[in-house]
């Protein structure tokens, strides 16, 4: 199949997709659904993507391409990762994005990748004659890459946030230990930390304080923090505080010990990273510098031997 035929097939697919979107939008915007009509009486709240809500779409009928995009996002969500696991990852990332927002962003990333793949495929078909198969393969690969890119960005944000929390943890634990040693309670030390500090872990401590002020126990709020943030040092920190509160052991010593454990862990991580970097530095030395040194040392001798004979 030539490049011209591939372009014709692609234009036909785009036309079919546009007609399908128009028909779907016309069907959806024909009038408010039954659930939309009875929602005010039931005081229900529709959880949907903020990306799909237009500026004027609050109490009126759905207009524009928003319903179509929402339907695509919901269909896309049925074939994605489980919503509960995704919601936990979004909480770990400290993102205010809902699951529906994230699904819509994944759909947008995949669509952008699809368009880029089509452009690259048509360029390859025009220059190298790859044909319609190459165009379709490039489009599918680029769409999958766009979908995976959004997931990679989320995982990267989770790792960066957890690294920041570990970096903040020793200083906050020492400050809490000083506050407890000065006679304040565990809740009072948390309040002092939240007043004078700022960061990712401090935001989690503010959430703990909000739960305690709403009536939850401190132990329960700290265990929720450990569940939201599955970082081993913070989990040990929470367990130590809970055990100290329940058994009446000195809390200041527990906090100092937890801070020292995190500092020791950071030292071990630094030594392991230095060891890996040292081994990585040997690769260019062994495979590039050493062969060149041997060549420079041996070649003059070989040249002299050839001249002698």
C-alpha atoms as a PDB file:
ATOM      1  CA  UNK A   1       0.000   0.000   0.000  1.00  0.00           C
ATOM      2  CA  UNK A   2       1.414   3.356  -1.024  1.00  0.00           C
ATOM      3  CA  UNK A   3       1.675   6.479   1.120  1.00  0.00           C
ATOM      4  CA  UNK A   4      -1.310   8.025  -0.685  1.00  0.00           C
ATOM      5  CA  UNK A   5      -3.504   5.050   0.146  1.00  0.00           C
ATOM      6  CA  UNK A   6      -2.347   5.171   3.765  1.00  0.00           C
ATOM      7  CA  UNK A   7      -3.280   8.864   3.979  1.00  0.00           C
ATOM      8  CA  UNK A   8      -6.724   8.113   2.463  1.00  0.00           C
ATOM      9  CA  UNK A   9      -7.327   5.290   4.969  1.00  0.00           C
ATOM     10  CA  UNK A  10      -6.265   7.519   7.874  1.00  0.00           C
ATOM     11  CA  UNK A  11      -8.480  10.379   6.739  1.00  0.00           C
ATOM     12  CA  UNK A  12     -11.372   7.962   6.480  1.00  0.00           C
ATOM     13  CA  UNK A  13     -10.767   6.762  10.034  1.00  0.00           C
ATOM     14  CA  UNK A  14     -10.582  10.350  11.295  1.00  0.00           C
ATOM     15  CA  UNK A  15     -13.850  11.182   9.499  1.00  0.00           C
ATOM     16  CA  UNK A  16     -15.555   8.122  10.984  1.00  0.00           C
ATOM     17  CA  UNK A  17     -14.311   9.026  14.453  1.00  0.00           C
ATOM     18  CA  UNK A  18     -15.527  12.611  14.075  1.00  0.00           C
ATOM     19  CA  UNK A  19     -18.974  11.487  12.962  1.00  0.00           C
ATOM     20  CA  UNK A  20     -19.162   9.066  15.886  1.00  0.00           C
ATOM     21  CA  UNK A  21     -18.249  11.845  18.323  1.00  0.00           C
ATOM     22  CA  UNK A  22     -20.871  14.162  16.813  1.00  0.00           C
ATOM     23  CA  UNK A  23     -23.592  11.509  17.041  1.00  0.00           C
ATOM     24  CA  UNK A  24     -22.623  10.587  20.590  1.00  0.00           C
ATOM     25  CA  UNK A  25     -22.582  14.233  21.646  1.00  0.00           C
ATOM     26  CA  UNK A  26     -25.980  14.845  20.071  1.00  0.00           C
ATOM     27  CA  UNK A  27     -27.413  11.851  21.882  1.00  0.00           C
ATOM     28  CA  UNK A  28     -25.930  12.877  25.241  1.00  0.00           C
ATOM     29  CA  UNK A  29     -26.895  16.562  24.970  1.00  0.00           C
ATOM     30  CA  UNK A  30     -30.457  15.804  23.912  1.00  0.00           C
ATOM     31  CA  UNK A  31     -31.673  16.602  27.448  1.00  0.00           C
ATOM     32  CA  UNK A  32     -30.904  16.037  31.124  1.00  0.00           C
ATOM     33  CA  UNK A  33     -30.832  12.432  32.187  1.00  0.00           C
ATOM     34  CA  UNK A  34     -33.103  10.920  34.813  1.00  0.00           C
ATOM     35  CA  UNK A  35     -30.314  10.935  37.422  1.00  0.00           C
ATOM     36  CA  UNK A  36     -29.615  14.632  36.690  1.00  0.00           C
ATOM     37  CA  UNK A  37     -33.309  15.479  37.192  1.00  0.00           C
ATOM     38  CA  UNK A  38     -33.650  13.726  40.549  1.00  0.00           C
ATOM     39  CA  UNK A  39     -30.180  14.671  41.859  1.00  0.00           C
ATOM     40  CA  UNK A  40     -31.333  17.917  43.597  1.00  0.00           C
ATOM     41  CA  UNK A  41     -34.031  16.022  45.474  1.00  0.00           C
ATOM     42  CA  UNK A  42     -31.625  13.288  46.590  1.00  0.00           C
ATOM     43  CA  UNK A  43     -28.825  15.751  47.505  1.00  0.00           C
ATOM     44  CA  UNK A  44     -26.395  13.601  45.534  1.00  0.00           C
ATOM     45  CA  UNK A  45     -22.953  14.724  44.496  1.00  0.00           C
ATOM     46  CA  UNK A  46     -21.584  13.630  41.140  1.00  0.00           C
ATOM     47  CA  UNK A  47     -17.894  12.775  41.312  1.00  0.00           C
ATOM     48  CA  UNK A  48     -16.358  13.623  37.981  1.00  0.00           C
ATOM     49  CA  UNK A  49     -13.259  15.066  36.458  1.00  0.00           C
ATOM     50  CA  UNK A  50     -12.638  18.791  36.894  1.00  0.00           C
ATOM     51  CA  UNK A  51     -11.131  18.737  33.407  1.00  0.00           C
ATOM     52  CA  UNK A  52     -14.524  17.825  31.990  1.00  0.00           C
ATOM     53  CA  UNK A  53     -16.537  20.588  33.662  1.00  0.00           C
ATOM     54  CA  UNK A  54     -16.879  23.786  31.707  1.00  0.00           C
ATOM     55  CA  UNK A  55     -17.147  27.225  33.366  1.00  0.00           C
ATOM     56  CA  UNK A  56     -20.892  27.371  32.899  1.00  0.00           C
ATOM     57  CA  UNK A  57     -21.730  23.739  33.603  1.00  0.00           C
ATOM     58  CA  UNK A  58     -23.088  23.675  37.126  1.00  0.00           C
ATOM     59  CA  UNK A  59     -26.894  23.492  37.089  1.00  0.00           C
ATOM     60  CA  UNK A  60     -27.632  23.412  33.357  1.00  0.00           C
ATOM     61  CA  UNK A  61     -27.761  20.638  30.817  1.00  0.00           C
ATOM     62  CA  UNK A  62     -24.552  19.196  29.440  1.00  0.00           C
ATOM     63  CA  UNK A  63     -23.386  20.967  26.306  1.00  0.00           C
ATOM     64  CA  UNK A  64     -20.295  20.810  24.174  1.00  0.00           C
ATOM     65  CA  UNK A  65     -17.761  18.005  23.953  1.00  0.00           C
ATOM     66  CA  UNK A  66     -17.529  17.551  27.740  1.00  0.00           C
ATOM     67  CA  UNK A  67     -19.989  14.633  27.968  1.00  0.00           C
ATOM     68  CA  UNK A  68     -18.216  12.828  25.151  1.00  0.00           C
ATOM     69  CA  UNK A  69     -14.855  13.174  26.833  1.00  0.00           C
ATOM     70  CA  UNK A  70     -16.368  12.107  30.142  1.00  0.00           C
ATOM     71  CA  UNK A  71     -17.848   8.999  28.570  1.00  0.00           C
ATOM     72  CA  UNK A  72     -14.516   8.130  26.979  1.00  0.00           C
ATOM     73  CA  UNK A  73     -12.722   8.627  30.283  1.00  0.00           C
ATOM     74  CA  UNK A  74     -15.189   6.359  32.098  1.00  0.00           C
ATOM     75  CA  UNK A  75     -14.871   3.670  29.438  1.00  0.00           C
ATOM     76  CA  UNK A  76     -11.102   4.013  29.580  1.00  0.00           C
ATOM     77  CA  UNK A  77     -11.230   3.650  33.374  1.00  0.00           C
ATOM     78  CA  UNK A  78     -12.910   0.258  33.150  1.00  0.00           C
ATOM     79  CA  UNK A  79      -9.817  -1.154  31.428  1.00  0.00           C
ATOM     80  CA  UNK A  80      -7.213   0.637  33.576  1.00  0.00           C
ATOM     81  CA  UNK A  81      -5.746  -0.038  36.985  1.00  0.00           C
ATOM     82  CA  UNK A  82      -8.121  -0.540  39.959  1.00  0.00           C
ATOM     83  CA  UNK A  83      -9.467   2.751  41.280  1.00  0.00           C
ATOM     84  CA  UNK A  84      -8.611   1.928  44.912  1.00  0.00           C
ATOM     85  CA  UNK A  85      -4.939   1.302  44.138  1.00  0.00           C
ATOM     86  CA  UNK A  86      -4.792   4.397  41.949  1.00  0.00           C
ATOM     87  CA  UNK A  87      -6.360   6.510  44.676  1.00  0.00           C
ATOM     88  CA  UNK A  88      -3.714   5.320  47.140  1.00  0.00           C
ATOM     89  CA  UNK A  89      -0.967   6.262  44.679  1.00  0.00           C
ATOM     90  CA  UNK A  90      -2.469   9.720  44.230  1.00  0.00           C
ATOM     91  CA  UNK A  91      -2.551  10.183  48.008  1.00  0.00           C
ATOM     92  CA  UNK A  92       1.076   9.051  48.243  1.00  0.00           C
ATOM     93  CA  UNK A  93       1.975  11.635  45.607  1.00  0.00           C
ATOM     94  CA  UNK A  94       0.279  14.373  47.639  1.00  0.00           C
ATOM     95  CA  UNK A  95      -1.852  15.260  44.654  1.00  0.00           C
ATOM     96  CA  UNK A  96      -5.298  16.756  44.927  1.00  0.00           C
ATOM     97  CA  UNK A  97      -6.218  15.087  41.639  1.00  0.00           C
ATOM     98  CA  UNK A  98      -9.141  12.706  41.784  1.00  0.00           C
ATOM     99  CA  UNK A  99      -9.213   9.340  40.065  1.00  0.00           C
ATOM    100  CA  UNK A 100     -11.497  10.699  37.341  1.00  0.00           C
ATOM    101  CA  UNK A 101      -9.103  13.614  36.744  1.00  0.00           C
ATOM    102  CA  UNK A 102      -6.191  11.227  36.447  1.00  0.00           C
ATOM    103  CA  UNK A 103      -8.076   9.001  34.003  1.00  0.00           C
ATOM    104  CA  UNK A 104      -8.893  12.017  31.857  1.00  0.00           C
ATOM    105  CA  UNK A 105      -5.245  13.103  31.921  1.00  0.00           C
ATOM    106  CA  UNK A 106      -4.191   9.602  30.871  1.00  0.00           C
ATOM    107  CA  UNK A 107      -6.665   9.790  27.990  1.00  0.00           C
ATOM    108  CA  UNK A 108      -5.303  13.183  26.938  1.00  0.00           C
ATOM    109  CA  UNK A 109      -1.714  11.923  27.077  1.00  0.00           C
ATOM    110  CA  UNK A 110      -2.640   8.883  24.981  1.00  0.00           C
ATOM    111  CA  UNK A 111      -4.460  11.092  22.474  1.00  0.00           C
ATOM    112  CA  UNK A 112      -1.470  13.423  22.177  1.00  0.00           C
ATOM    113  CA  UNK A 113       0.784  10.408  21.655  1.00  0.00           C
ATOM    114  CA  UNK A 114      -1.589   9.052  19.021  1.00  0.00           C
ATOM    115  CA  UNK A 115      -1.487  12.313  17.052  1.00  0.00           C
ATOM    116  CA  UNK A 116       2.294  12.469  17.312  1.00  0.00           C
ATOM    117  CA  UNK A 117       2.538   8.842  16.159  1.00  0.00           C
ATOM    118  CA  UNK A 118       0.316   9.543  13.170  1.00  0.00           C
ATOM    119  CA  UNK A 119       2.518  12.484  12.173  1.00  0.00           C
ATOM    120  CA  UNK A 120       5.688  10.409  12.546  1.00  0.00           C
ATOM    121  CA  UNK A 121       4.126   7.475  10.680  1.00  0.00           C
ATOM    122  CA  UNK A 122       3.052   9.655   7.767  1.00  0.00           C
ATOM    123  CA  UNK A 123       6.510  11.196   7.648  1.00  0.00           C
ATOM    124  CA  UNK A 124       8.089   7.759   7.563  1.00  0.00           C
ATOM    125  CA  UNK A 125       5.639   6.593   4.899  1.00  0.00           C
ATOM    126  CA  UNK A 126       6.420   9.597   2.724  1.00  0.00           C
ATOM    127  CA  UNK A 127      10.182   9.313   3.115  1.00  0.00           C
ATOM    128  CA  UNK A 128      10.894   5.591   3.425  1.00  0.00           C
ATOM    129  CA  UNK A 129       7.692   4.039   2.065  1.00  0.00           C
ATOM    130  CA  UNK A 130       6.713   2.150   5.235  1.00  0.00           C
ATOM    131  CA  UNK A 131       3.054   2.005   4.191  1.00  0.00           C
ATOM    132  CA  UNK A 132      -0.141   1.902   6.261  1.00  0.00           C
ATOM    133  CA  UNK A 133       1.245  -0.765   8.596  1.00  0.00           C
ATOM    134  CA  UNK A 134       4.059   1.512   9.674  1.00  0.00           C
ATOM    135  CA  UNK A 135       1.633   4.381  10.268  1.00  0.00           C
ATOM    136  CA  UNK A 136      -0.657   2.227  12.417  1.00  0.00           C
ATOM    137  CA  UNK A 137       2.266   0.763  14.329  1.00  0.00           C
ATOM    138  CA  UNK A 138       3.726   4.202  15.025  1.00  0.00           C
ATOM    139  CA  UNK A 139       0.336   5.537  16.159  1.00  0.00           C
ATOM    140  CA  UNK A 140      -0.295   2.576  18.498  1.00  0.00           C
ATOM    141  CA  UNK A 141       3.207   2.737  19.968  1.00  0.00           C
ATOM    142  CA  UNK A 142       3.007   6.493  20.540  1.00  0.00           C
ATOM    143  CA  UNK A 143      -0.434   6.203  22.190  1.00  0.00           C
ATOM    144  CA  UNK A 144       0.847   3.482  24.533  1.00  0.00           C
ATOM    145  CA  UNK A 145       3.921   5.602  25.274  1.00  0.00           C
ATOM    146  CA  UNK A 146       1.708   8.578  26.170  1.00  0.00           C
ATOM    147  CA  UNK A 147      -0.341   6.422  28.538  1.00  0.00           C
ATOM    148  CA  UNK A 148       2.787   5.025  30.196  1.00  0.00           C
ATOM    149  CA  UNK A 149       4.350   8.493  30.402  1.00  0.00           C
ATOM    150  CA  UNK A 150       1.544   9.751  32.652  1.00  0.00           C
ATOM    151  CA  UNK A 151       1.983   6.742  34.925  1.00  0.00           C
ATOM    152  CA  UNK A 152       5.749   7.287  34.979  1.00  0.00           C
ATOM    153  CA  UNK A 153       5.292  10.931  35.967  1.00  0.00           C
ATOM    154  CA  UNK A 154       3.051   9.879  38.857  1.00  0.00           C
ATOM    155  CA  UNK A 155       5.567   7.279  40.069  1.00  0.00           C
ATOM    156  CA  UNK A 156       8.359   9.844  39.816  1.00  0.00           C
ATOM    157  CA  UNK A 157       6.354  12.329  41.853  1.00  0.00           C
ATOM    158  CA  UNK A 158       5.718   9.689  44.530  1.00  0.00           C
ATOM    159  CA  UNK A 159       9.435   8.886  44.810  1.00  0.00           C
ATOM    160  CA  UNK A 160      10.398  12.566  44.965  1.00  0.00           C
ATOM    161  CA  UNK A 161       7.829  13.278  47.677  1.00  0.00           C
ATOM    162  CA  UNK A 162       8.915  10.331  49.792  1.00  0.00           C
ATOM    163  CA  UNK A 163      12.557  11.404  49.483  1.00  0.00           C
ATOM    164  CA  UNK A 164      11.622  14.876  50.709  1.00  0.00           C
ATOM    165  CA  UNK A 165       9.709  13.389  53.623  1.00  0.00           C
ATOM    166  CA  UNK A 166      12.703  11.268  54.640  1.00  0.00           C
ATOM    167  CA  UNK A 167      14.962  14.320  54.411  1.00  0.00           C
ATOM    168  CA  UNK A 168      12.628  16.314  56.680  1.00  0.00           C
ATOM    169  CA  UNK A 169      12.016  13.515  59.163  1.00  0.00           C
ATOM    170  CA  UNK A 170      15.135  13.657  61.427  1.00  0.00           C
ATOM    171  CA  UNK A 171      14.839  17.405  62.123  1.00  0.00           C
ATOM    172  CA  UNK A 172      11.101  17.129  62.849  1.00  0.00           C
ATOM    173  CA  UNK A 173      11.625  14.149  65.143  1.00  0.00           C
ATOM    174  CA  UNK A 174      14.347  16.033  67.058  1.00  0.00           C
ATOM    175  CA  UNK A 175      12.076  19.053  67.397  1.00  0.00           C
ATOM    176  CA  UNK A 176       9.267  16.865  68.714  1.00  0.00           C
ATOM    177  CA  UNK A 177      11.699  15.262  71.172  1.00  0.00           C
ATOM    178  CA  UNK A 178      12.772  18.686  72.449  1.00  0.00           C
ATOM    179  CA  UNK A 179       9.135  19.746  72.848  1.00  0.00           C
ATOM    180  CA  UNK A 180       8.208  16.565  74.719  1.00  0.00           C
ATOM    181  CA  UNK A 181      11.339  16.872  76.887  1.00  0.00           C
ATOM    182  CA  UNK A 182      10.277  20.420  77.764  1.00  0.00           C
ATOM    183  CA  UNK A 183       7.004  19.112  79.170  1.00  0.00           C
ATOM    184  CA  UNK A 184       4.587  19.258  76.257  1.00  0.00           C
ATOM    185  CA  UNK A 185       2.320  16.408  75.267  1.00  0.00           C
ATOM    186  CA  UNK A 186       2.520  14.509  72.005  1.00  0.00           C
ATOM    187  CA  UNK A 187      -0.303  16.583  70.493  1.00  0.00           C
ATOM    188  CA  UNK A 188       1.330  19.800  71.725  1.00  0.00           C
ATOM    189  CA  UNK A 189       4.654  18.815  70.169  1.00  0.00           C
ATOM    190  CA  UNK A 190       2.889  18.116  66.873  1.00  0.00           C
ATOM    191  CA  UNK A 191       1.234  21.541  67.023  1.00  0.00           C
ATOM    192  CA  UNK A 192       4.584  23.220  67.639  1.00  0.00           C
ATOM    193  CA  UNK A 193       6.164  21.362  64.717  1.00  0.00           C
ATOM    194  CA  UNK A 194       3.305  22.390  62.429  1.00  0.00           C
ATOM    195  CA  UNK A 195       3.683  26.025  63.485  1.00  0.00           C
ATOM    196  CA  UNK A 196       7.417  26.389  62.923  1.00  0.00           C
ATOM    197  CA  UNK A 197       8.057  23.930  60.060  1.00  0.00           C
ATOM    198  CA  UNK A 198       6.869  23.511  56.516  1.00  0.00           C
ATOM    199  CA  UNK A 199       7.122  20.659  54.039  1.00  0.00           C
ATOM    200  CA  UNK A 200       5.588  17.394  52.938  1.00  0.00           C
ATOM    201  CA  UNK A 201       5.854  15.621  56.290  1.00  0.00           C
ATOM    202  CA  UNK A 202       4.604  18.718  58.108  1.00  0.00           C
ATOM    203  CA  UNK A 203       1.509  18.678  55.886  1.00  0.00           C
ATOM    204  CA  UNK A 204       0.897  15.072  56.916  1.00  0.00           C
ATOM    205  CA  UNK A 205       1.285  16.065  60.585  1.00  0.00           C
ATOM    206  CA  UNK A 206      -1.302  18.813  60.033  1.00  0.00           C
ATOM    207  CA  UNK A 207      -3.658  16.151  58.708  1.00  0.00           C
ATOM    208  CA  UNK A 208      -3.032  14.129  61.872  1.00  0.00           C
ATOM    209  CA  UNK A 209      -3.847  17.176  64.016  1.00  0.00           C
ATOM    210  CA  UNK A 210      -7.020  17.774  62.012  1.00  0.00           C
ATOM    211  CA  UNK A 211      -8.133  14.212  62.694  1.00  0.00           C
ATOM    212  CA  UNK A 212      -7.414  14.531  66.419  1.00  0.00           C
ATOM    213  CA  UNK A 213      -9.366  17.807  66.609  1.00  0.00           C
ATOM    214  CA  UNK A 214     -12.312  16.166  64.864  1.00  0.00           C
ATOM    215  CA  UNK A 215     -12.516  13.562  67.625  1.00  0.00           C
ATOM    216  CA  UNK A 216     -10.217  10.739  66.486  1.00  0.00           C
ATOM    217  CA  UNK A 217      -7.579   9.409  68.833  1.00  0.00           C
ATOM    218  CA  UNK A 218      -3.937  10.276  68.299  1.00  0.00           C
ATOM    219  CA  UNK A 219      -2.967   6.627  67.849  1.00  0.00           C
ATOM    220  CA  UNK A 220      -5.647   6.129  65.203  1.00  0.00           C
ATOM    221  CA  UNK A 221      -4.620   9.309  63.360  1.00  0.00           C
ATOM    222  CA  UNK A 222      -0.959   8.264  63.388  1.00  0.00           C
ATOM    223  CA  UNK A 223      -1.840   4.823  62.061  1.00  0.00           C
ATOM    224  CA  UNK A 224      -3.753   6.511  59.227  1.00  0.00           C
ATOM    225  CA  UNK A 225      -0.584   8.498  58.501  1.00  0.00           C
ATOM    226  CA  UNK A 226       1.398   5.268  58.325  1.00  0.00           C
ATOM    227  CA  UNK A 227      -1.182   3.766  55.957  1.00  0.00           C
ATOM    228  CA  UNK A 228      -1.163   6.851  53.703  1.00  0.00           C
ATOM    229  CA  UNK A 229       2.634   7.023  53.613  1.00  0.00           C
ATOM    230  CA  UNK A 230       4.124   3.503  53.275  1.00  0.00           C
ATOM    231  CA  UNK A 231       7.688   4.635  54.036  1.00  0.00           C
ATOM    232  CA  UNK A 232       9.428   2.173  56.420  1.00  0.00           C
ATOM    233  CA  UNK A 233      11.140   4.782  58.680  1.00  0.00           C
ATOM    234  CA  UNK A 234       7.908   6.727  59.110  1.00  0.00           C
ATOM    235  CA  UNK A 235       6.053   3.482  59.816  1.00  0.00           C
ATOM    236  CA  UNK A 236       8.575   2.624  62.562  1.00  0.00           C
ATOM    237  CA  UNK A 237       8.270   6.181  63.886  1.00  0.00           C
ATOM    238  CA  UNK A 238       4.489   5.862  64.141  1.00  0.00           C
ATOM    239  CA  UNK A 239       4.714   2.432  65.772  1.00  0.00           C
ATOM    240  CA  UNK A 240       7.195   3.780  68.336  1.00  0.00           C
ATOM    241  CA  UNK A 241       4.946   6.703  69.261  1.00  0.00           C
ATOM    242  CA  UNK A 242       1.856   4.495  69.504  1.00  0.00           C
ATOM    243  CA  UNK A 243       3.644   1.977  71.740  1.00  0.00           C
ATOM    244  CA  UNK A 244       5.080   4.778  73.905  1.00  0.00           C
ATOM    245  CA  UNK A 245       1.630   6.342  74.345  1.00  0.00           C
ATOM    246  CA  UNK A 246      -0.081   3.040  75.127  1.00  0.00           C
ATOM    247  CA  UNK A 247       2.597   1.739  77.539  1.00  0.00           C
ATOM    248  CA  UNK A 248       3.674   5.017  79.087  1.00  0.00           C
ATOM    249  CA  UNK A 249       7.339   4.815  78.117  1.00  0.00           C
ATOM    250  CA  UNK A 250       9.355   8.082  77.781  1.00  0.00           C
ATOM    251  CA  UNK A 251       8.348   9.573  74.451  1.00  0.00           C
ATOM    252  CA  UNK A 252      11.336  11.894  74.090  1.00  0.00           C
ATOM    253  CA  UNK A 253      13.808   9.011  74.085  1.00  0.00           C
ATOM    254  CA  UNK A 254      11.734   7.143  71.532  1.00  0.00           C
ATOM    255  CA  UNK A 255      11.684  10.168  69.218  1.00  0.00           C
ATOM    256  CA  UNK A 256      15.443  10.705  69.522  1.00  0.00           C
ATOM    257  CA  UNK A 257      16.075   7.031  68.809  1.00  0.00           C
ATOM    258  CA  UNK A 258      13.826   7.187  65.738  1.00  0.00           C
ATOM    259  CA  UNK A 259      15.636  10.279  64.438  1.00  0.00           C
ATOM    260  CA  UNK A 260      19.013   8.600  64.966  1.00  0.00           C
ATOM    261  CA  UNK A 261      17.805   5.494  63.131  1.00  0.00           C
ATOM    262  CA  UNK A 262      16.805   7.595  60.119  1.00  0.00           C
ATOM    263  CA  UNK A 263      20.179   9.369  60.114  1.00  0.00           C
ATOM    264  CA  UNK A 264      21.957   6.004  60.249  1.00  0.00           C
ATOM    265  CA  UNK A 265      19.769   4.791  57.393  1.00  0.00           C
ATOM    266  CA  UNK A 266      20.711   7.873  55.362  1.00  0.00           C
ATOM    267  CA  UNK A 267      24.395   7.188  56.017  1.00  0.00           C
ATOM    268  CA  UNK A 268      24.033   3.594  54.851  1.00  0.00           C
ATOM    269  CA  UNK A 269      22.192   4.731  51.719  1.00  0.00           C
ATOM    270  CA  UNK A 270      24.962   7.251  51.041  1.00  0.00           C
ATOM    271  CA  UNK A 271      27.687   4.612  51.430  1.00  0.00           C
ATOM    272  CA  UNK A 272      25.825   2.202  49.136  1.00  0.00           C
ATOM    273  CA  UNK A 273      25.345   4.932  46.532  1.00  0.00           C
ATOM    274  CA  UNK A 274      29.032   5.825  46.733  1.00  0.00           C
ATOM    275  CA  UNK A 275      29.944   2.155  46.230  1.00  0.00           C
ATOM    276  CA  UNK A 276      27.715   1.888  43.161  1.00  0.00           C
ATOM    277  CA  UNK A 277      29.136   5.094  41.714  1.00  0.00           C
ATOM    278  CA  UNK A 278      32.671   3.823  42.294  1.00  0.00           C
ATOM    279  CA  UNK A 279      31.927   0.643  40.366  1.00  0.00           C
ATOM    280  CA  UNK A 280      30.277   2.662  37.590  1.00  0.00           C
ATOM    281  CA  UNK A 281      33.403   4.834  37.344  1.00  0.00           C
ATOM    282  CA  UNK A 282      35.471   1.696  36.662  1.00  0.00           C
ATOM    283  CA  UNK A 283      33.575   0.971  33.434  1.00  0.00           C
ATOM    284  CA  UNK A 284      35.100   3.774  31.289  1.00  0.00           C
ATOM    285  CA  UNK A 285      38.456   3.208  32.966  1.00  0.00           C
ATOM    286  CA  UNK A 286      38.583  -0.500  32.101  1.00  0.00           C
ATOM    287  CA  UNK A 287      36.970  -0.408  28.660  1.00  0.00           C
ATOM    288  CA  UNK A 288      38.269   2.900  27.279  1.00  0.00           C
ATOM    289  CA  UNK A 289      41.250   4.350  29.172  1.00  0.00           C
ATOM    290  CA  UNK A 290      43.118   1.093  29.815  1.00  0.00           C
ATOM    291  CA  UNK A 291      42.936  -0.188  26.177  1.00  0.00           C
ATOM    292  CA  UNK A 292      44.201   3.174  24.925  1.00  0.00           C
ATOM    293  CA  UNK A 293      47.074   3.044  27.409  1.00  0.00           C
ATOM    294  CA  UNK A 294      48.011  -0.452  26.244  1.00  0.00           C
ATOM    295  CA  UNK A 295      47.883   0.651  22.595  1.00  0.00           C
ATOM    296  CA  UNK A 296      50.103   3.668  23.263  1.00  0.00           C
ATOM    297  CA  UNK A 297      52.571   1.498  25.166  1.00  0.00           C
ATOM    298  CA  UNK A 298      52.719  -1.433  22.735  1.00  0.00           C
ATOM    299  CA  UNK A 299      52.402   0.259  19.332  1.00  0.00           C
ATOM    300  CA  UNK A 300      55.852   1.970  19.323  1.00  0.00           C
ATOM    301  CA  UNK A 301      57.517  -1.342  20.130  1.00  0.00           C
ATOM    302  CA  UNK A 302      55.641  -3.113  17.326  1.00  0.00           C
ATOM    303  CA  UNK A 303      56.602  -0.357  14.926  1.00  0.00           C
ATOM    304  CA  UNK A 304      60.302  -0.697  15.860  1.00  0.00           C
ATOM    305  CA  UNK A 305      60.120  -4.490  15.405  1.00  0.00           C
ATOM    306  CA  UNK A 306      58.580  -4.083  11.946  1.00  0.00           C
ATOM    307  CA  UNK A 307      61.295  -1.616  10.961  1.00  0.00           C
ATOM    308  CA  UNK A 308      64.001  -3.973  12.206  1.00  0.00           C
ATOM    309  CA  UNK A 309      62.772  -6.818  10.045  1.00  0.00           C
END
